[in-house]
Amino acid sequence: YSTAFGRIWLSVVFVFRVLVYVVAAERVWGDEQKDF
């Protein structure tokens, strides 16, 4: 039901935000308080 902009938005959210968050960002912040 989305327009072309909506399809691009959803792809950006899951590829460049959710995927980066799950694969890399969570690990970078995993030792946040321990190594403070």
PDB file of all heavy atoms in Angstrom:
ATOM      1  N   TYR A   1       0.815  -1.215   0.000  1.00  0.00           N
ATOM      2  CA  TYR A   1       0.000   0.000   0.000  1.00  0.00           C
ATOM      3  C   TYR A   1       0.850   1.266   0.000  1.00  0.00           C
ATOM      4  O   TYR A   1       0.298   2.369   0.055  1.00  0.00           O
ATOM      5  CB  TYR A   1      -0.915   0.005   1.232  1.00  0.00           C
ATOM      6  CG  TYR A   1      -1.534  -1.330   1.530  1.00  0.00           C
ATOM      7  CD1 TYR A   1      -1.229  -2.019   2.708  1.00  0.00           C
ATOM      8  CD2 TYR A   1      -2.406  -1.939   0.632  1.00  0.00           C
ATOM      9  CE1 TYR A   1      -1.790  -3.264   2.984  1.00  0.00           C
ATOM     10  CE2 TYR A   1      -2.960  -3.171   0.893  1.00  0.00           C
ATOM     11  CZ  TYR A   1      -2.647  -3.827   2.076  1.00  0.00           C
ATOM     12  OH  TYR A   1      -3.195  -5.064   2.333  1.00  0.00           O
ATOM     13  N   SER A   2       2.168   1.136  -0.054  1.00  0.00           N
ATOM     14  CA  SER A   2       3.055   2.296   0.032  1.00  0.00           C
ATOM     15  C   SER A   2       3.383   2.843  -1.348  1.00  0.00           C
ATOM     16  O   SER A   2       3.286   2.140  -2.364  1.00  0.00           O
ATOM     17  CB  SER A   2       4.359   1.921   0.750  1.00  0.00           C
ATOM     18  OG  SER A   2       4.110   1.476   2.061  1.00  0.00           O
ATOM     19  N   THR A   3       3.824   4.092  -1.371  1.00  0.00           N
ATOM     20  CA  THR A   3       4.359   4.693  -2.583  1.00  0.00           C
ATOM     21  C   THR A   3       5.820   4.266  -2.744  1.00  0.00           C
ATOM     22  O   THR A   3       6.358   3.521  -1.919  1.00  0.00           O
ATOM     23  CB  THR A   3       4.269   6.222  -2.498  1.00  0.00           C
ATOM     24  OG1 THR A   3       5.097   6.677  -1.417  1.00  0.00           O
ATOM     25  CG2 THR A   3       2.841   6.674  -2.249  1.00  0.00           C
ATOM     26  N   ALA A   4       6.470   4.752  -3.795  1.00  0.00           N
ATOM     27  CA  ALA A   4       7.884   4.419  -4.006  1.00  0.00           C
ATOM     28  C   ALA A   4       8.743   4.955  -2.855  1.00  0.00           C
ATOM     29  O   ALA A   4       9.676   4.282  -2.398  1.00  0.00           O
ATOM     30  CB  ALA A   4       8.365   4.994  -5.339  1.00  0.00           C
ATOM     31  N   PHE A   5       8.393   6.146  -2.363  1.00  0.00           N
ATOM     32  CA  PHE A   5       9.140   6.710  -1.234  1.00  0.00           C
ATOM     33  C   PHE A   5       8.965   5.846   0.020  1.00  0.00           C
ATOM     34  O   PHE A   5       9.902   5.657   0.789  1.00  0.00           O
ATOM     35  CB  PHE A   5       8.669   8.141  -0.951  1.00  0.00           C
ATOM     36  CG  PHE A   5       9.030   9.126  -2.006  1.00  0.00           C
ATOM     37  CD1 PHE A   5       8.077   9.579  -2.913  1.00  0.00           C
ATOM     38  CD2 PHE A   5      10.324   9.613  -2.112  1.00  0.00           C
ATOM     39  CE1 PHE A   5       8.404  10.490  -3.901  1.00  0.00           C
ATOM     40  CE2 PHE A   5      10.657  10.537  -3.092  1.00  0.00           C
ATOM     41  CZ  PHE A   5       9.704  10.976  -3.984  1.00  0.00           C
ATOM     42  N   GLY A   6       7.760   5.332   0.223  1.00  0.00           N
ATOM     43  CA  GLY A   6       7.509   4.492   1.376  1.00  0.00           C
ATOM     44  C   GLY A   6       8.276   3.182   1.322  1.00  0.00           C
ATOM     45  O   GLY A   6       8.763   2.695   2.357  1.00  0.00           O
ATOM     46  N   ARG A   7       8.411   2.606   0.134  1.00  0.00           N
ATOM     47  CA  ARG A   7       9.182   1.363  -0.001  1.00  0.00           C
ATOM     48  C   ARG A   7      10.661   1.609   0.264  1.00  0.00           C
ATOM     49  O   ARG A   7      11.337   0.786   0.900  1.00  0.00           O
ATOM     50  CB  ARG A   7       8.969   0.771  -1.386  1.00  0.00           C
ATOM     51  CG  ARG A   7       7.535   0.327  -1.655  1.00  0.00           C
ATOM     52  CD  ARG A   7       7.417  -0.399  -2.993  1.00  0.00           C
ATOM     53  NE  ARG A   7       6.045  -0.790  -3.253  1.00  0.00           N
ATOM     54  CZ  ARG A   7       5.193  -0.095  -3.998  1.00  0.00           C
ATOM     55  NH1 ARG A   7       5.596   1.044  -4.565  1.00  0.00           N
ATOM     56  NH2 ARG A   7       3.957  -0.517  -4.177  1.00  0.00           N
ATOM     57  N   ILE A   8      11.167   2.725  -0.230  1.00  0.00           N
ATOM     58  CA  ILE A   8      12.575   3.065   0.039  1.00  0.00           C
ATOM     59  C   ILE A   8      12.781   3.304   1.531  1.00  0.00           C
ATOM     60  O   ILE A   8      13.776   2.854   2.110  1.00  0.00           O
ATOM     61  CB  ILE A   8      12.992   4.302  -0.775  1.00  0.00           C
ATOM     62  CG1 ILE A   8      12.916   4.009  -2.279  1.00  0.00           C
ATOM     63  CG2 ILE A   8      14.405   4.747  -0.403  1.00  0.00           C
ATOM     64  CD1 ILE A   8      13.145   5.228  -3.151  1.00  0.00           C
ATOM     65  N   TRP A   9      11.827   3.997   2.166  1.00  0.00           N
ATOM     66  CA  TRP A   9      11.927   4.265   3.607  1.00  0.00           C
ATOM     67  C   TRP A   9      11.999   2.967   4.399  1.00  0.00           C
ATOM     68  O   TRP A   9      12.826   2.823   5.307  1.00  0.00           O
ATOM     69  CB  TRP A   9      10.725   5.091   4.054  1.00  0.00           C
ATOM     70  CG  TRP A   9      10.704   5.387   5.520  1.00  0.00           C
ATOM     71  CD1 TRP A   9      11.284   6.450   6.150  1.00  0.00           C
ATOM     72  CD2 TRP A   9      10.073   4.615   6.545  1.00  0.00           C
ATOM     73  NE1 TRP A   9      11.054   6.378   7.503  1.00  0.00           N
ATOM     74  CE2 TRP A   9      10.322   5.270   7.777  1.00  0.00           C
ATOM     75  CE3 TRP A   9       9.331   3.431   6.536  1.00  0.00           C
ATOM     76  CZ2 TRP A   9       9.839   4.780   8.984  1.00  0.00           C
ATOM     77  CZ3 TRP A   9       8.856   2.939   7.738  1.00  0.00           C
ATOM     78  CH2 TRP A   9       9.111   3.618   8.943  1.00  0.00           C
ATOM     79  N   LEU A  10      11.136   2.018   4.070  1.00  0.00           N
ATOM     80  CA  LEU A  10      11.117   0.754   4.807  1.00  0.00           C
ATOM     81  C   LEU A  10      12.415  -0.021   4.598  1.00  0.00           C
ATOM     82  O   LEU A  10      12.936  -0.641   5.529  1.00  0.00           O
ATOM     83  CB  LEU A  10       9.918  -0.080   4.357  1.00  0.00           C
ATOM     84  CG  LEU A  10       9.534  -1.265   5.243  1.00  0.00           C
ATOM     85  CD1 LEU A  10       9.167  -0.798   6.642  1.00  0.00           C
ATOM     86  CD2 LEU A  10       8.380  -2.050   4.621  1.00  0.00           C
ATOM     87  N   SER A  11      12.965   0.023   3.375  1.00  0.00           N
ATOM     88  CA  SER A  11      14.238  -0.657   3.111  1.00  0.00           C
ATOM     89  C   SER A  11      15.374  -0.023   3.908  1.00  0.00           C
ATOM     90  O   SER A  11      16.217  -0.726   4.475  1.00  0.00           O
ATOM     91  CB  SER A  11      14.558  -0.611   1.618  1.00  0.00           C
ATOM     92  OG  SER A  11      13.547  -1.247   0.863  1.00  0.00           O
ATOM     93  N   VAL A  12      15.387   1.313   3.959  1.00  0.00           N
ATOM     94  CA  VAL A  12      16.439   2.008   4.721  1.00  0.00           C
ATOM     95  C   VAL A  12      16.340   1.677   6.199  1.00  0.00           C
ATOM     96  O   VAL A  12      17.350   1.448   6.879  1.00  0.00           O
ATOM     97  CB  VAL A  12      16.331   3.532   4.492  1.00  0.00           C
ATOM     98  CG1 VAL A  12      17.246   4.287   5.449  1.00  0.00           C
ATOM     99  CG2 VAL A  12      16.690   3.884   3.057  1.00  0.00           C
ATOM    100  N   VAL A  13      15.111   1.625   6.725  1.00  0.00           N
ATOM    101  CA  VAL A  13      14.921   1.337   8.153  1.00  0.00           C
ATOM    102  C   VAL A  13      15.471  -0.034   8.507  1.00  0.00           C
ATOM    103  O   VAL A  13      16.198  -0.193   9.502  1.00  0.00           O
ATOM    104  CB  VAL A  13      13.430   1.443   8.526  1.00  0.00           C
ATOM    105  CG1 VAL A  13      13.176   0.831   9.904  1.00  0.00           C
ATOM    106  CG2 VAL A  13      12.983   2.892   8.523  1.00  0.00           C
ATOM    107  N   PHE A  14      15.178  -1.040   7.692  1.00  0.00           N
ATOM    108  CA  PHE A  14      15.571  -2.400   8.065  1.00  0.00           C
ATOM    109  C   PHE A  14      17.006  -2.733   7.666  1.00  0.00           C
ATOM    110  O   PHE A  14      17.639  -3.559   8.311  1.00  0.00           O
ATOM    111  CB  PHE A  14      14.609  -3.415   7.440  1.00  0.00           C
ATOM    112  CG  PHE A  14      13.334  -3.563   8.210  1.00  0.00           C
ATOM    113  CD1 PHE A  14      12.163  -2.989   7.754  1.00  0.00           C
ATOM    114  CD2 PHE A  14      13.298  -4.247   9.409  1.00  0.00           C
ATOM    115  CE1 PHE A  14      10.989  -3.104   8.473  1.00  0.00           C
ATOM    116  CE2 PHE A  14      12.131  -4.367  10.138  1.00  0.00           C
ATOM    117  CZ  PHE A  14      10.965  -3.798   9.667  1.00  0.00           C
ATOM    118  N   VAL A  15      17.530  -2.114   6.628  1.00  0.00           N
ATOM    119  CA  VAL A  15      18.895  -2.431   6.203  1.00  0.00           C
ATOM    120  C   VAL A  15      19.909  -1.566   6.942  1.00  0.00           C
ATOM    121  O   VAL A  15      20.906  -2.073   7.478  1.00  0.00           O
ATOM    122  CB  VAL A  15      19.039  -2.253   4.678  1.00  0.00           C
ATOM    123  CG1 VAL A  15      20.492  -2.446   4.258  1.00  0.00           C
ATOM    124  CG2 VAL A  15      18.151  -3.251   3.938  1.00  0.00           C
ATOM    125  N   PHE A  16      19.676  -0.261   6.982  1.00  0.00           N
ATOM    126  CA  PHE A  16      20.676   0.658   7.528  1.00  0.00           C
ATOM    127  C   PHE A  16      20.438   1.032   8.992  1.00  0.00           C
ATOM    128  O   PHE A  16      21.278   1.702   9.585  1.00  0.00           O
ATOM    129  CB  PHE A  16      20.723   1.942   6.693  1.00  0.00           C
ATOM    130  CG  PHE A  16      21.230   1.714   5.300  1.00  0.00           C
ATOM    131  CD1 PHE A  16      20.352   1.669   4.232  1.00  0.00           C
ATOM    132  CD2 PHE A  16      22.575   1.527   5.051  1.00  0.00           C
ATOM    133  CE1 PHE A  16      20.802   1.459   2.939  1.00  0.00           C
ATOM    134  CE2 PHE A  16      23.039   1.322   3.773  1.00  0.00           C
ATOM    135  CZ  PHE A  16      22.152   1.281   2.712  1.00  0.00           C
ATOM    136  N   ARG A  17      19.316   0.618   9.551  1.00  0.00           N
ATOM    137  CA  ARG A  17      19.073   0.952  10.954  1.00  0.00           C
ATOM    138  C   ARG A  17      18.888  -0.302  11.809  1.00  0.00           C
ATOM    139  O   ARG A  17      19.649  -0.534  12.751  1.00  0.00           O
ATOM    140  CB  ARG A  17      17.849   1.876  11.058  1.00  0.00           C
ATOM    141  CG  ARG A  17      18.067   3.205  10.346  1.00  0.00           C
ATOM    142  CD  ARG A  17      16.852   4.103  10.393  1.00  0.00           C
ATOM    143  NE  ARG A  17      16.638   4.676  11.713  1.00  0.00           N
ATOM    144  CZ  ARG A  17      15.690   5.574  11.980  1.00  0.00           C
ATOM    145  NH1 ARG A  17      14.881   5.989  11.015  1.00  0.00           N
ATOM    146  NH2 ARG A  17      15.556   6.056  13.194  1.00  0.00           N
ATOM    147  N   VAL A  18      17.901  -1.120  11.478  1.00  0.00           N
ATOM    148  CA  VAL A  18      17.677  -2.325  12.287  1.00  0.00           C
ATOM    149  C   VAL A  18      18.841  -3.302  12.150  1.00  0.00           C
ATOM    150  O   VAL A  18      19.337  -3.837  13.147  1.00  0.00           O
ATOM    151  CB  VAL A  18      16.351  -2.997  11.877  1.00  0.00           C
ATOM    152  CG1 VAL A  18      16.182  -4.322  12.606  1.00  0.00           C
ATOM    153  CG2 VAL A  18      15.174  -2.083  12.175  1.00  0.00           C
ATOM    154  N   LEU A  19      19.305  -3.537  10.919  1.00  0.00           N
ATOM    155  CA  LEU A  19      20.386  -4.507  10.707  1.00  0.00           C
ATOM    156  C   LEU A  19      21.683  -4.034  11.361  1.00  0.00           C
ATOM    157  O   LEU A  19      22.378  -4.821  12.026  1.00  0.00           O
ATOM    158  CB  LEU A  19      20.596  -4.731   9.216  1.00  0.00           C
ATOM    159  CG  LEU A  19      21.516  -5.895   8.818  1.00  0.00           C
ATOM    160  CD1 LEU A  19      20.952  -7.209   9.340  1.00  0.00           C
ATOM    161  CD2 LEU A  19      21.681  -5.962   7.312  1.00  0.00           C
ATOM    162  N   VAL A  20      22.012  -2.753  11.213  1.00  0.00           N
ATOM    163  CA  VAL A  20      23.208  -2.209  11.852  1.00  0.00           C
ATOM    164  C   VAL A  20      23.063  -2.254  13.365  1.00  0.00           C
ATOM    165  O   VAL A  20      24.022  -2.571  14.088  1.00  0.00           O
ATOM    166  CB  VAL A  20      23.463  -0.768  11.361  1.00  0.00           C
ATOM    167  CG1 VAL A  20      24.559  -0.105  12.179  1.00  0.00           C
ATOM    168  CG2 VAL A  20      23.839  -0.773   9.888  1.00  0.00           C
ATOM    169  N   TYR A  21      21.876  -1.963  13.851  1.00  0.00           N
ATOM    170  CA  TYR A  21      21.625  -2.001  15.297  1.00  0.00           C
ATOM    171  C   TYR A  21      21.844  -3.414  15.853  1.00  0.00           C
ATOM    172  O   TYR A  21      22.524  -3.595  16.869  1.00  0.00           O
ATOM    173  CB  TYR A  21      20.197  -1.546  15.567  1.00  0.00           C
ATOM    174  CG  TYR A  21      19.764  -1.676  17.004  1.00  0.00           C
ATOM    175  CD1 TYR A  21      19.961  -0.640  17.903  1.00  0.00           C
ATOM    176  CD2 TYR A  21      19.148  -2.841  17.467  1.00  0.00           C
ATOM    177  CE1 TYR A  21      19.563  -0.754  19.231  1.00  0.00           C
ATOM    178  CE2 TYR A  21      18.746  -2.963  18.779  1.00  0.00           C
ATOM    179  CZ  TYR A  21      18.955  -1.923  19.653  1.00  0.00           C
ATOM    180  OH  TYR A  21      18.565  -2.047  20.962  1.00  0.00           O
ATOM    181  N   VAL A  22      21.282  -4.420  15.187  1.00  0.00           N
ATOM    182  CA  VAL A  22      21.345  -5.791  15.698  1.00  0.00           C
ATOM    183  C   VAL A  22      22.746  -6.374  15.550  1.00  0.00           C
ATOM    184  O   VAL A  22      23.267  -7.015  16.472  1.00  0.00           O
ATOM    185  CB  VAL A  22      20.300  -6.671  14.979  1.00  0.00           C
ATOM    186  CG1 VAL A  22      20.466  -8.140  15.363  1.00  0.00           C
ATOM    187  CG2 VAL A  22      18.896  -6.202  15.307  1.00  0.00           C
ATOM    188  N   VAL A  23      23.372  -6.159  14.391  1.00  0.00           N
ATOM    189  CA  VAL A  23      24.650  -6.816  14.101  1.00  0.00           C
ATOM    190  C   VAL A  23      25.809  -6.151  14.822  1.00  0.00           C
ATOM    191  O   VAL A  23      26.688  -6.836  15.372  1.00  0.00           O
ATOM    192  CB  VAL A  23      24.896  -6.831  12.575  1.00  0.00           C
ATOM    193  CG1 VAL A  23      26.286  -7.361  12.262  1.00  0.00           C
ATOM    194  CG2 VAL A  23      23.848  -7.686  11.880  1.00  0.00           C
ATOM    195  N   ALA A  24      25.857  -4.826  14.850  1.00  0.00           N
ATOM    196  CA  ALA A  24      27.065  -4.145  15.329  1.00  0.00           C
ATOM    197  C   ALA A  24      26.845  -3.264  16.551  1.00  0.00           C
ATOM    198  O   ALA A  24      27.603  -3.339  17.520  1.00  0.00           O
ATOM    199  CB  ALA A  24      27.655  -3.303  14.194  1.00  0.00           C
ATOM    200  N   ALA A  25      25.820  -2.425  16.527  1.00  0.00           N
ATOM    201  CA  ALA A  25      25.689  -1.413  17.573  1.00  0.00           C
ATOM    202  C   ALA A  25      25.502  -2.028  18.955  1.00  0.00           C
ATOM    203  O   ALA A  25      26.059  -1.536  19.939  1.00  0.00           O
ATOM    204  CB  ALA A  25      24.518  -0.482  17.245  1.00  0.00           C
ATOM    205  N   GLU A  26      24.714  -3.084  19.043  1.00  0.00           N
ATOM    206  CA  GLU A  26      24.486  -3.710  20.358  1.00  0.00           C
ATOM    207  C   GLU A  26      25.789  -4.212  20.969  1.00  0.00           C
ATOM    208  O   GLU A  26      25.982  -4.148  22.180  1.00  0.00           O
ATOM    209  CB  GLU A  26      23.485  -4.860  20.218  1.00  0.00           C
ATOM    210  CG  GLU A  26      22.035  -4.414  20.198  1.00  0.00           C
ATOM    211  CD  GLU A  26      21.080  -5.583  20.215  1.00  0.00           C
ATOM    212  OE1 GLU A  26      21.340  -6.596  19.549  1.00  0.00           O
ATOM    213  OE2 GLU A  26      20.043  -5.484  20.902  1.00  0.00           O
ATOM    214  N   ARG A  27      26.687  -4.728  20.131  1.00  0.00           N
ATOM    215  CA  ARG A  27      27.962  -5.241  20.650  1.00  0.00           C
ATOM    216  C   ARG A  27      28.888  -4.110  21.085  1.00  0.00           C
ATOM    217  O   ARG A  27      29.644  -4.247  22.045  1.00  0.00           O
ATOM    218  CB  ARG A  27      28.639  -6.091  19.574  1.00  0.00           C
ATOM    219  CG  ARG A  27      27.830  -7.334  19.193  1.00  0.00           C
ATOM    220  CD  ARG A  27      28.535  -8.163  18.140  1.00  0.00           C
ATOM    221  NE  ARG A  27      27.739  -9.319  17.754  1.00  0.00           N
ATOM    222  CZ  ARG A  27      28.116 -10.211  16.840  1.00  0.00           C
ATOM    223  NH1 ARG A  27      29.289 -10.067  16.223  1.00  0.00           N
ATOM    224  NH2 ARG A  27      27.330 -11.237  16.544  1.00  0.00           N
ATOM    225  N   VAL A  28      28.849  -3.001  20.372  1.00  0.00           N
ATOM    226  CA  VAL A  28      29.714  -1.869  20.736  1.00  0.00           C
ATOM    227  C   VAL A  28      29.321  -1.313  22.094  1.00  0.00           C
ATOM    228  O   VAL A  28      30.184  -0.955  22.903  1.00  0.00           O
ATOM    229  CB  VAL A  28      29.631  -0.777  19.650  1.00  0.00           C
ATOM    230  CG1 VAL A  28      30.373   0.481  20.099  1.00  0.00           C
ATOM    231  CG2 VAL A  28      30.210  -1.292  18.337  1.00  0.00           C
ATOM    232  N   TRP A  29      28.023  -1.244  22.382  1.00  0.00           N
ATOM    233  CA  TRP A  29      27.556  -0.712  23.653  1.00  0.00           C
ATOM    234  C   TRP A  29      27.373  -1.805  24.720  1.00  0.00           C
ATOM    235  O   TRP A  29      26.894  -1.539  25.803  1.00  0.00           O
ATOM    236  CB  TRP A  29      26.233   0.024  23.473  1.00  0.00           C
ATOM    237  CG  TRP A  29      26.395   1.492  23.268  1.00  0.00           C
ATOM    238  CD1 TRP A  29      26.339   2.464  24.226  1.00  0.00           C
ATOM    239  CD2 TRP A  29      26.625   2.184  22.040  1.00  0.00           C
ATOM    240  NE1 TRP A  29      26.528   3.703  23.677  1.00  0.00           N
ATOM    241  CE2 TRP A  29      26.696   3.567  22.321  1.00  0.00           C
ATOM    242  CE3 TRP A  29      26.780   1.769  20.712  1.00  0.00           C
ATOM    243  CZ2 TRP A  29      26.924   4.526  21.340  1.00  0.00           C
ATOM    244  CZ3 TRP A  29      26.997   2.713  19.731  1.00  0.00           C
ATOM    245  CH2 TRP A  29      27.066   4.072  20.048  1.00  0.00           C
ATOM    246  N   GLY A  30      27.789  -3.035  24.439  1.00  0.00           N
ATOM    247  CA  GLY A  30      27.589  -4.110  25.403  1.00  0.00           C
ATOM    248  C   GLY A  30      28.419  -3.959  26.666  1.00  0.00           C
ATOM    249  O   GLY A  30      27.997  -4.355  27.748  1.00  0.00           O
ATOM    250  N   ASP A  31      29.624  -3.366  26.549  1.00  0.00           N
ATOM    251  CA  ASP A  31      30.506  -3.208  27.704  1.00  0.00           C
ATOM    252  C   ASP A  31      30.459  -1.785  28.262  1.00  0.00           C
ATOM    253  O   ASP A  31      31.387  -1.319  28.893  1.00  0.00           O
ATOM    254  CB  ASP A  31      31.952  -3.533  27.305  1.00  0.00           C
ATOM    255  CG  ASP A  31      32.438  -2.657  26.154  1.00  0.00           C
ATOM    256  OD1 ASP A  31      31.612  -1.889  25.626  1.00  0.00           O
ATOM    257  OD2 ASP A  31      33.621  -2.755  25.797  1.00  0.00           O
ATOM    258  N   GLU A  32      29.356  -1.120  28.045  1.00  0.00           N
ATOM    259  CA  GLU A  32      29.275   0.321  28.324  1.00  0.00           C
ATOM    260  C   GLU A  32      29.538   0.657  29.786  1.00  0.00           C
ATOM    261  O   GLU A  32      30.427   1.455  30.099  1.00  0.00           O
ATOM    262  CB  GLU A  32      27.879   0.816  27.916  1.00  0.00           C
ATOM    263  CG  GLU A  32      27.727   2.302  27.931  1.00  0.00           C
ATOM    264  CD  GLU A  32      26.368   2.709  27.382  1.00  0.00           C
ATOM    265  OE1 GLU A  32      25.523   1.824  27.160  1.00  0.00           O
ATOM    266  OE2 GLU A  32      26.166   3.908  27.199  1.00  0.00           O
ATOM    267  N   GLN A  33      28.822   0.046  30.700  1.00  0.00           N
ATOM    268  CA  GLN A  33      28.978   0.396  32.111  1.00  0.00           C
ATOM    269  C   GLN A  33      30.172  -0.320  32.752  1.00  0.00           C
ATOM    270  O   GLN A  33      30.825   0.229  33.631  1.00  0.00           O
ATOM    271  CB  GLN A  33      27.706   0.048  32.884  1.00  0.00           C
ATOM    272  CG  GLN A  33      27.713   0.531  34.330  1.00  0.00           C
ATOM    273  CD  GLN A  33      26.363   0.373  34.995  1.00  0.00           C
ATOM    274  OE1 GLN A  33      25.432  -0.166  34.392  1.00  0.00           O
ATOM    275  NE2 GLN A  33      26.234   0.845  36.228  1.00  0.00           N
ATOM    276  N   LYS A  34      30.460  -1.519  32.285  1.00  0.00           N
ATOM    277  CA  LYS A  34      31.551  -2.284  32.881  1.00  0.00           C
ATOM    278  C   LYS A  34      32.890  -1.599  32.672  1.00  0.00           C
ATOM    279  O   LYS A  34      33.753  -1.597  33.560  1.00  0.00           O
ATOM    280  CB  LYS A  34      31.573  -3.694  32.286  1.00  0.00           C
ATOM    281  CG  LYS A  34      32.626  -4.603  32.894  1.00  0.00           C
ATOM    282  CD  LYS A  34      32.559  -5.990  32.275  1.00  0.00           C
ATOM    283  CE  LYS A  34      32.967  -5.941  30.805  1.00  0.00           C
ATOM    284  NZ  LYS A  34      33.007  -7.309  30.204  1.00  0.00           N
ATOM    285  N   ASP A  35      33.102  -1.018  31.492  1.00  0.00           N
ATOM    286  CA  ASP A  35      34.380  -0.390  31.160  1.00  0.00           C
ATOM    287  C   ASP A  35      34.349   1.133  31.317  1.00  0.00           C
ATOM    288  O   ASP A  35      35.164   1.833  30.725  1.00  0.00           O
ATOM    289  CB  ASP A  35      34.781  -0.746  29.723  1.00  0.00           C
ATOM    290  CG  ASP A  35      35.091  -2.226  29.582  1.00  0.00           C
ATOM    291  OD1 ASP A  35      35.398  -2.859  30.601  1.00  0.00           O
ATOM    292  OD2 ASP A  35      35.007  -2.749  28.449  1.00  0.00           O
ATOM    293  N   PHE A  36      33.417   1.629  32.076  1.00  0.00           N
ATOM    294  CA  PHE A  36      33.361   3.061  32.379  1.00  0.00           C
ATOM    295  C   PHE A  36      34.258   3.295  33.605  1.00  0.00           C
ATOM    296  O   PHE A  36      33.837   3.119  34.755  1.00  0.00           O
ATOM    297  CB  PHE A  36      31.909   3.475  32.658  1.00  0.00           C
ATOM    298  CG  PHE A  36      31.700   4.946  32.805  1.00  0.00           C
ATOM    299  CD1 PHE A  36      31.667   5.776  31.703  1.00  0.00           C
ATOM    300  CD2 PHE A  36      31.511   5.510  34.069  1.00  0.00           C
ATOM    301  CE1 PHE A  36      31.444   7.138  31.844  1.00  0.00           C
ATOM    302  CE2 PHE A  36      31.294   6.863  34.219  1.00  0.00           C
ATOM    303  CZ  PHE A  36      31.265   7.683  33.098  1.00  0.00           C
TER     304      PHE A  36
END
